[in-house]
Amino acid sequence: MFEFDQYLGFLAFLIILLIGFWVMIFLTAIIPYWIGGSVKEMLDERKEKKRREKEKE
């Protein structure tokens, strides 16, 4: 059926495939969420700064 070398090659292929799958999930799901949160926080800080400047006047 299979020799030991073929079994190891199949396992290596499977592990690389799974690592690639989870990296793809990370890049398509977590990073846009992280960037969106950073942009929202930056906009909130600008809005708060403008509000404080308006109160001083």
C-alpha atoms as a PDB file:
ATOM      1  CA  MET A   1       0.000   0.000   0.000  1.00  0.00           C
ATOM      2  CA  PHE A   2       2.067   2.966   1.266  1.00  0.00           C
ATOM      3  CA  GLU A   3       5.685   3.021   2.242  1.00  0.00           C
ATOM      4  CA  PHE A   4       6.871   5.012   5.229  1.00  0.00           C
ATOM      5  CA  ASP A   5       8.437   7.753   3.042  1.00  0.00           C
ATOM      6  CA  GLN A   6       5.166   8.295   1.219  1.00  0.00           C
ATOM      7  CA  TYR A   7       3.346   8.502   4.544  1.00  0.00           C
ATOM      8  CA  LEU A   8       5.754  11.179   5.796  1.00  0.00           C
ATOM      9  CA  GLY A   9       5.389  13.099   2.552  1.00  0.00           C
ATOM     10  CA  PHE A  10       1.615  12.997   2.862  1.00  0.00           C
ATOM     11  CA  LEU A  11       1.781  14.215   6.468  1.00  0.00           C
ATOM     12  CA  ALA A  12       4.122  17.057   5.500  1.00  0.00           C
ATOM     13  CA  PHE A  13       1.774  18.052   2.674  1.00  0.00           C
ATOM     14  CA  LEU A  14      -1.228  17.938   5.012  1.00  0.00           C
ATOM     15  CA  ILE A  15       0.501  20.047   7.669  1.00  0.00           C
ATOM     16  CA  ILE A  16       1.603  22.681   5.132  1.00  0.00           C
ATOM     17  CA  LEU A  17      -1.901  22.766   3.655  1.00  0.00           C
ATOM     18  CA  LEU A  18      -3.496  23.275   7.081  1.00  0.00           C
ATOM     19  CA  ILE A  19      -1.002  25.976   8.063  1.00  0.00           C
ATOM     20  CA  GLY A  20      -1.763  27.797   4.818  1.00  0.00           C
ATOM     21  CA  PHE A  21      -5.496  27.491   5.443  1.00  0.00           C
ATOM     22  CA  TRP A  22      -5.298  28.982   8.924  1.00  0.00           C
ATOM     23  CA  VAL A  23      -2.983  31.788   7.763  1.00  0.00           C
ATOM     24  CA  MET A  24      -5.521  32.616   5.046  1.00  0.00           C
ATOM     25  CA  ILE A  25      -8.333  32.690   7.629  1.00  0.00           C
ATOM     26  CA  PHE A  26      -6.211  34.976   9.833  1.00  0.00           C
ATOM     27  CA  LEU A  27      -5.390  37.361   7.001  1.00  0.00           C
ATOM     28  CA  THR A  28      -8.964  37.602   5.712  1.00  0.00           C
ATOM     29  CA  ALA A  29     -10.760  37.843   9.065  1.00  0.00           C
ATOM     30  CA  ILE A  30      -8.608  39.207  11.876  1.00  0.00           C
ATOM     31  CA  ILE A  31      -6.414  41.770  10.139  1.00  0.00           C
ATOM     32  CA  PRO A  32      -9.294  43.778   8.523  1.00  0.00           C
ATOM     33  CA  TYR A  33     -11.036  43.786  11.935  1.00  0.00           C
ATOM     34  CA  TRP A  34      -7.828  45.068  13.550  1.00  0.00           C
ATOM     35  CA  ILE A  35      -7.347  47.798  10.917  1.00  0.00           C
ATOM     36  CA  GLY A  36     -11.006  48.843  11.165  1.00  0.00           C
ATOM     37  CA  GLY A  37     -10.760  49.170  14.941  1.00  0.00           C
ATOM     38  CA  SER A  38      -7.607  51.275  14.652  1.00  0.00           C
ATOM     39  CA  VAL A  39      -9.234  53.627  12.134  1.00  0.00           C
ATOM     40  CA  LYS A  40     -12.345  53.973  14.313  1.00  0.00           C
ATOM     41  CA  GLU A  41     -10.216  54.770  17.359  1.00  0.00           C
ATOM     42  CA  MET A  42      -8.221  57.366  15.401  1.00  0.00           C
ATOM     43  CA  LEU A  43     -11.419  59.062  14.190  1.00  0.00           C
ATOM     44  CA  ASP A  44     -12.862  59.074  17.719  1.00  0.00           C
ATOM     45  CA  GLU A  45      -9.688  60.726  19.022  1.00  0.00           C
ATOM     46  CA  ARG A  46      -9.884  63.449  16.344  1.00  0.00           C
ATOM     47  CA  LYS A  47     -13.548  64.037  17.140  1.00  0.00           C
ATOM     48  CA  GLU A  48     -12.783  64.325  20.866  1.00  0.00           C
ATOM     49  CA  LYS A  49      -9.905  66.736  20.166  1.00  0.00           C
ATOM     50  CA  LYS A  50     -12.158  68.956  18.039  1.00  0.00           C
ATOM     51  CA  ARG A  51     -14.828  68.894  20.761  1.00  0.00           C
ATOM     52  CA  ARG A  52     -12.288  69.960  23.436  1.00  0.00           C
ATOM     53  CA  GLU A  53     -10.994  72.786  21.218  1.00  0.00           C
ATOM     54  CA  LYS A  54     -14.535  73.971  20.630  1.00  0.00           C
ATOM     55  CA  GLU A  55     -15.245  74.026  24.397  1.00  0.00           C
ATOM     56  CA  LYS A  56     -12.135  76.195  25.038  1.00  0.00           C
ATOM     57  CA  GLU A  57     -13.369  78.919  22.681  1.00  0.00           C
END
